């Protein structure tokens, strides 16, 4: 990078910025998908607890 002229350096900086932005978008999309799945699982657990009152204390029996 030290032997690049100003134009080449700017082009490399823009390329690096675009790659970082693309990576950020993929990470953000993955996190959103994970949060949606987590919400779905929590809702399912809540429904199971409503249907089966005995399951509320399941943590006591995990040993």
PDB file of N, CA and C in Angstrom:
ATOM      1  N   UNK A   1       0.826  -1.203   0.000  1.00  0.00           N
ATOM      2  CA  UNK A   1       0.000   0.000   0.000  1.00  0.00           C
ATOM      3  C   UNK A   1       0.865   1.259   0.000  1.00  0.00           C
ATOM      4  N   UNK A   2       2.080   1.142   0.483  1.00  0.00           N
ATOM      5  CA  UNK A   2       2.941   2.313   0.540  1.00  0.00           C
ATOM      6  C   UNK A   2       3.356   2.807  -0.843  1.00  0.00           C
ATOM      7  N   UNK A   3       3.385   1.900  -1.835  1.00  0.00           N
ATOM      8  CA  UNK A   3       3.803   2.306  -3.170  1.00  0.00           C
ATOM      9  C   UNK A   3       2.629   2.734  -4.053  1.00  0.00           C
ATOM     10  N   UNK A   4       1.439   2.843  -3.489  1.00  0.00           N
ATOM     11  CA  UNK A   4       0.262   3.247  -4.261  1.00  0.00           C
ATOM     12  C   UNK A   4       0.203   4.763  -4.362  1.00  0.00           C
ATOM     13  N   UNK A   5      -0.285   5.217  -5.522  1.00  0.00           N
ATOM     14  CA  UNK A   5      -0.527   6.661  -5.609  1.00  0.00           C
ATOM     15  C   UNK A   5      -1.882   6.961  -4.954  1.00  0.00           C
ATOM     16  N   UNK A   6      -2.206   8.209  -4.886  1.00  0.00           N
ATOM     17  CA  UNK A   6      -3.414   8.644  -4.170  1.00  0.00           C
ATOM     18  C   UNK A   6      -4.687   8.011  -4.748  1.00  0.00           C
ATOM     19  N   UNK A   7      -4.762   7.917  -6.055  1.00  0.00           N
ATOM     20  CA  UNK A   7      -5.948   7.359  -6.710  1.00  0.00           C
ATOM     21  C   UNK A   7      -6.099   5.866  -6.391  1.00  0.00           C
ATOM     22  N   UNK A   8      -5.021   5.127  -6.452  1.00  0.00           N
ATOM     23  CA  UNK A   8      -5.051   3.705  -6.133  1.00  0.00           C
ATOM     24  C   UNK A   8      -5.403   3.473  -4.673  1.00  0.00           C
ATOM     25  N   UNK A   9      -4.849   4.319  -3.812  1.00  0.00           N
ATOM     26  CA  UNK A   9      -5.128   4.203  -2.389  1.00  0.00           C
ATOM     27  C   UNK A   9      -6.602   4.462  -2.100  1.00  0.00           C
ATOM     28  N   UNK A  10      -7.167   5.485  -2.733  1.00  0.00           N
ATOM     29  CA  UNK A  10      -8.600   5.776  -2.550  1.00  0.00           C
ATOM     30  C   UNK A  10      -9.453   4.619  -3.054  1.00  0.00           C
ATOM     31  N   UNK A  11      -9.082   4.041  -4.182  1.00  0.00           N
ATOM     32  CA  UNK A  11      -9.843   2.914  -4.731  1.00  0.00           C
ATOM     33  C   UNK A  11      -9.781   1.731  -3.763  1.00  0.00           C
ATOM     34  N   UNK A  12      -8.628   1.482  -3.167  1.00  0.00           N
ATOM     35  CA  UNK A  12      -8.479   0.391  -2.209  1.00  0.00           C
ATOM     36  C   UNK A  12      -9.288   0.670  -0.941  1.00  0.00           C
ATOM     37  N   UNK A  13      -9.288   1.902  -0.482  1.00  0.00           N
ATOM     38  CA  UNK A  13     -10.087   2.259   0.699  1.00  0.00           C
ATOM     39  C   UNK A  13     -11.578   2.080   0.435  1.00  0.00           C
ATOM     40  N   UNK A  14     -12.032   2.488  -0.733  1.00  0.00           N
ATOM     41  CA  UNK A  14     -13.446   2.327  -1.102  1.00  0.00           C
ATOM     42  C   UNK A  14     -13.792   0.841  -1.163  1.00  0.00           C
ATOM     43  N   UNK A  15     -12.911   0.036  -1.775  1.00  0.00           N
ATOM     44  CA  UNK A  15     -13.150  -1.411  -1.860  1.00  0.00           C
ATOM     45  C   UNK A  15     -13.231  -2.027  -0.464  1.00  0.00           C
ATOM     46  N   UNK A  16     -12.323  -1.637   0.413  1.00  0.00           N
ATOM     47  CA  UNK A  16     -12.326  -2.156   1.785  1.00  0.00           C
ATOM     48  C   UNK A  16     -13.590  -1.740   2.532  1.00  0.00           C
ATOM     49  N   UNK A  17     -13.991  -0.496   2.346  1.00  0.00           N
ATOM     50  CA  UNK A  17     -15.210  -0.013   2.985  1.00  0.00           C
ATOM     51  C   UNK A  17     -16.422  -0.795   2.500  1.00  0.00           C
ATOM     52  N   UNK A  18     -16.502  -1.036   1.190  1.00  0.00           N
ATOM     53  CA  UNK A  18     -17.639  -1.779   0.625  1.00  0.00           C
ATOM     54  C   UNK A  18     -17.666  -3.213   1.144  1.00  0.00           C
ATOM     55  N   UNK A  19     -16.496  -3.840   1.239  1.00  0.00           N
ATOM     56  CA  UNK A  19     -16.440  -5.201   1.779  1.00  0.00           C
ATOM     57  C   UNK A  19     -16.901  -5.237   3.235  1.00  0.00           C
ATOM     58  N   UNK A  20     -16.464  -4.257   4.017  1.00  0.00           N
ATOM     59  CA  UNK A  20     -16.870  -4.188   5.421  1.00  0.00           C
ATOM     60  C   UNK A  20     -18.373  -3.953   5.530  1.00  0.00           C
ATOM     61  N   UNK A  21     -18.912  -3.112   4.661  1.00  0.00           N
ATOM     62  CA  UNK A  21     -20.346  -2.834   4.667  1.00  0.00           C
ATOM     63  C   UNK A  21     -21.146  -4.082   4.310  1.00  0.00           C
ATOM     64  N   UNK A  22     -20.682  -4.830   3.313  1.00  0.00           N
ATOM     65  CA  UNK A  22     -21.349  -6.083   2.926  1.00  0.00           C
ATOM     66  C   UNK A  22     -21.326  -7.083   4.080  1.00  0.00           C
ATOM     67  N   UNK A  23     -20.189  -7.175   4.741  1.00  0.00           N
ATOM     68  CA  UNK A  23     -20.051  -8.092   5.876  1.00  0.00           C
ATOM     69  C   UNK A  23     -21.011  -7.685   6.997  1.00  0.00           C
ATOM     70  N   UNK A  24     -21.087  -6.390   7.262  1.00  0.00           N
ATOM     71  CA  UNK A  24     -21.988  -5.887   8.300  1.00  0.00           C
ATOM     72  C   UNK A  24     -23.441  -6.223   7.965  1.00  0.00           C
ATOM     73  N   UNK A  25     -23.820  -6.086   6.705  1.00  0.00           N
ATOM     74  CA  UNK A  25     -25.188  -6.402   6.294  1.00  0.00           C
ATOM     75  C   UNK A  25     -25.497  -7.884   6.489  1.00  0.00           C
ATOM     76  N   UNK A  26     -24.536  -8.757   6.158  1.00  0.00           N
ATOM     77  CA  UNK A  26     -24.749 -10.197   6.351  1.00  0.00           C
ATOM     78  C   UNK A  26     -24.885 -10.528   7.834  1.00  0.00           C
ATOM     79  N   UNK A  27     -24.042  -9.932   8.658  1.00  0.00           N
ATOM     80  CA  UNK A  27     -24.108 -10.184  10.103  1.00  0.00           C
ATOM     81  C   UNK A  27     -25.436  -9.694  10.657  1.00  0.00           C
ATOM     82  N   UNK A  28     -25.840  -8.509  10.254  1.00  0.00           N
ATOM     83  CA  UNK A  28     -27.114  -7.951  10.723  1.00  0.00           C
ATOM     84  C   UNK A  28     -28.279  -8.849  10.302  1.00  0.00           C
ATOM     85  N   UNK A  29     -28.255  -9.329   9.068  1.00  0.00           N
ATOM     86  CA  UNK A  29     -29.311 -10.227   8.598  1.00  0.00           C
ATOM     87  C   UNK A  29     -29.336 -11.523   9.397  1.00  0.00           C
ATOM     88  N   UNK A  30     -28.168 -12.075   9.669  1.00  0.00           N
ATOM     89  CA  UNK A  30     -28.096 -13.317  10.459  1.00  0.00           C
ATOM     90  C   UNK A  30     -28.620 -13.093  11.873  1.00  0.00           C
ATOM     91  N   UNK A  31     -28.243 -11.983  12.465  1.00  0.00           N
ATOM     92  CA  UNK A  31     -28.717 -11.687  13.826  1.00  0.00           C
ATOM     93  C   UNK A  31     -30.227 -11.520  13.870  1.00  0.00           C
ATOM     94  N   UNK A  32     -30.782 -10.872  12.866  1.00  0.00           N
ATOM     95  CA  UNK A  32     -32.241 -10.709  12.808  1.00  0.00           C
ATOM     96  C   UNK A  32     -32.927 -12.067  12.702  1.00  0.00           C
ATOM     97  N   UNK A  33     -32.374 -12.956  11.865  1.00  0.00           N
ATOM     98  CA  UNK A  33     -32.944 -14.296  11.727  1.00  0.00           C
ATOM     99  C   UNK A  33     -32.861 -15.056  13.051  1.00  0.00           C
ATOM    100  N   UNK A  34     -31.737 -14.935  13.743  1.00  0.00           N
ATOM    101  CA  UNK A  34     -31.579 -15.621  15.032  1.00  0.00           C
ATOM    102  C   UNK A  34     -32.561 -15.080  16.066  1.00  0.00           C
ATOM    103  N   UNK A  35     -32.762 -13.780  16.080  1.00  0.00           N
ATOM    104  CA  UNK A  35     -33.705 -13.192  17.033  1.00  0.00           C
ATOM    105  C   UNK A  35     -35.136 -13.642  16.729  1.00  0.00           C
ATOM    106  N   UNK A  36     -35.487 -13.742  15.459  1.00  0.00           N
ATOM    107  CA  UNK A  36     -36.816 -14.225  15.091  1.00  0.00           C
ATOM    108  C   UNK A  36     -37.004 -15.670  15.540  1.00  0.00           C
ATOM    109  N   UNK A  37     -35.975 -16.495  15.355  1.00  0.00           N
ATOM    110  CA  UNK A  37     -36.054 -17.891  15.778  1.00  0.00           C
ATOM    111  C   UNK A  37     -36.155 -17.980  17.301  1.00  0.00           C
ATOM    112  N   UNK A  38     -35.402 -17.160  17.991  1.00  0.00           N
ATOM    113  CA  UNK A  38     -35.472 -17.134  19.453  1.00  0.00           C
ATOM    114  C   UNK A  38     -36.869 -16.727  19.919  1.00  0.00           C
ATOM    115  N   UNK A  39     -37.432 -15.700  19.307  1.00  0.00           N
ATOM    116  CA  UNK A  39     -38.792 -15.274  19.646  1.00  0.00           C
ATOM    117  C   UNK A  39     -39.796 -16.403  19.410  1.00  0.00           C
ATOM    118  N   UNK A  40     -39.622 -17.120  18.286  1.00  0.00           N
ATOM    119  CA  UNK A  40     -40.520 -18.231  17.961  1.00  0.00           C
ATOM    120  C   UNK A  40     -40.421 -19.331  19.025  1.00  0.00           C
ATOM    121  N   UNK A  41     -39.191 -19.647  19.442  1.00  0.00           N
ATOM    122  CA  UNK A  41     -39.001 -20.685  20.457  1.00  0.00           C
ATOM    123  C   UNK A  41     -39.554 -20.273  21.814  1.00  0.00           C
ATOM    124  N   UNK A  42     -39.371 -19.019  22.189  1.00  0.00           N
ATOM    125  CA  UNK A  42     -39.916 -18.524  23.457  1.00  0.00           C
ATOM    126  C   UNK A  42     -41.433 -18.596  23.430  1.00  0.00           C
ATOM    127  N   UNK A  43     -42.034 -18.217  22.319  1.00  0.00           N
ATOM    128  CA  UNK A  43     -43.494 -18.298  22.183  1.00  0.00           C
ATOM    129  C   UNK A  43     -43.957 -19.748  22.305  1.00  0.00           C
ATOM    130  N   UNK A  44     -43.226 -20.650  21.688  1.00  0.00           N
ATOM    131  CA  UNK A  44     -43.582 -22.071  21.764  1.00  0.00           C
ATOM    132  C   UNK A  44     -43.487 -22.579  23.207  1.00  0.00           C
ATOM    133  N   UNK A  45     -42.440 -22.191  23.914  1.00  0.00           N
ATOM    134  CA  UNK A  45     -42.294 -22.586  25.325  1.00  0.00           C
ATOM    135  C   UNK A  45     -43.441 -22.025  26.151  1.00  0.00           C
ATOM    136  N   UNK A  46     -43.789 -20.769  25.926  1.00  0.00           N
ATOM    137  CA  UNK A  46     -44.909 -20.161  26.653  1.00  0.00           C
ATOM    138  C   UNK A  46     -46.208 -20.933  26.409  1.00  0.00           C
ATOM    139  N   UNK A  47     -46.439 -21.321  25.158  1.00  0.00           N
ATOM    140  CA  UNK A  47     -47.663 -22.082  24.836  1.00  0.00           C
ATOM    141  C   UNK A  47     -47.647 -23.449  25.502  1.00  0.00           C
ATOM    142  N   UNK A  48     -46.471 -24.104  25.507  1.00  0.00           N
ATOM    143  CA  UNK A  48     -46.368 -25.412  26.168  1.00  0.00           C
ATOM    144  C   UNK A  48     -46.636 -25.284  27.667  1.00  0.00           C
ATOM    145  N   UNK A  49     -46.116 -24.244  28.275  1.00  0.00           N
ATOM    146  CA  UNK A  49     -46.338 -24.042  29.704  1.00  0.00           C
ATOM    147  C   UNK A  49     -47.811 -23.792  30.008  1.00  0.00           C
ATOM    148  N   UNK A  50     -48.498 -23.095  29.101  1.00  0.00           N
ATOM    149  CA  UNK A  50     -49.932 -22.860  29.292  1.00  0.00           C
ATOM    150  C   UNK A  50     -50.717 -24.157  29.154  1.00  0.00           C
ATOM    151  N   UNK A  51     -50.318 -24.998  28.198  1.00  0.00           N
ATOM    152  CA  UNK A  51     -51.026 -26.258  27.958  1.00  0.00           C
ATOM    153  C   UNK A  51     -50.721 -27.301  29.022  1.00  0.00           C
ATOM    154  N   UNK A  52     -49.494 -27.326  29.520  1.00  0.00           N
ATOM    155  CA  UNK A  52     -49.049 -28.313  30.503  1.00  0.00           C
ATOM    156  C   UNK A  52     -48.540 -27.599  31.751  1.00  0.00           C
ATOM    157  N   UNK A  53     -49.417 -27.322  32.689  1.00  0.00           N
ATOM    158  CA  UNK A  53     -49.001 -26.593  33.890  1.00  0.00           C
ATOM    159  C   UNK A  53     -47.875 -27.293  34.660  1.00  0.00           C
ATOM    160  N   UNK A  54     -47.787 -28.618  34.573  1.00  0.00           N
ATOM    161  CA  UNK A  54     -46.744 -29.345  35.292  1.00  0.00           C
ATOM    162  C   UNK A  54     -45.350 -29.053  34.749  1.00  0.00           C
ATOM    163  N   UNK A  55     -45.256 -28.533  33.535  1.00  0.00           N
ATOM    164  CA  UNK A  55     -43.950 -28.290  32.927  1.00  0.00           C
ATOM    165  C   UNK A  55     -43.283 -27.036  33.514  1.00  0.00           C
ATOM    166  N   UNK A  56     -44.037 -26.213  34.231  1.00  0.00           N
ATOM    167  CA  UNK A  56     -43.485 -24.989  34.793  1.00  0.00           C
ATOM    168  C   UNK A  56     -42.295 -25.236  35.700  1.00  0.00           C
ATOM    169  N   UNK A  57     -42.265 -26.371  36.387  1.00  0.00           N
ATOM    170  CA  UNK A  57     -41.181 -26.655  37.292  1.00  0.00           C
ATOM    171  C   UNK A  57     -40.156 -27.605  36.722  1.00  0.00           C
ATOM    172  N   UNK A  58     -40.048 -27.701  35.414  1.00  0.00           N
ATOM    173  CA  UNK A  58     -39.163 -28.678  34.781  1.00  0.00           C
ATOM    174  C   UNK A  58     -37.710 -28.469  35.164  1.00  0.00           C
ATOM    175  N   UNK A  59     -37.310 -27.233  35.502  1.00  0.00           N
ATOM    176  CA  UNK A  59     -35.916 -26.981  35.859  1.00  0.00           C
ATOM    177  C   UNK A  59     -35.514 -27.787  37.084  1.00  0.00           C
ATOM    178  N   UNK A  60     -36.462 -28.079  37.962  1.00  0.00           N
ATOM    179  CA  UNK A  60     -36.164 -28.811  39.195  1.00  0.00           C
ATOM    180  C   UNK A  60     -35.784 -30.254  38.911  1.00  0.00           C
ATOM    181  N   UNK A  61     -36.207 -30.778  37.770  1.00  0.00           N
ATOM    182  CA  UNK A  61     -36.013 -32.196  37.474  1.00  0.00           C
ATOM    183  C   UNK A  61     -34.914 -32.443  36.443  1.00  0.00           C
ATOM    184  N   UNK A  62     -34.120 -31.442  36.106  1.00  0.00           N
ATOM    185  CA  UNK A  62     -33.096 -31.589  35.077  1.00  0.00           C
ATOM    186  C   UNK A  62     -31.885 -32.386  35.550  1.00  0.00           C
ATOM    187  N   UNK A  63     -31.700 -32.552  36.796  1.00  0.00           N
ATOM    188  CA  UNK A  63     -30.496 -33.205  37.337  1.00  0.00           C
ATOM    189  C   UNK A  63     -30.392 -34.569  36.882  1.00  0.00           C
TER     190      UNK A  63
END
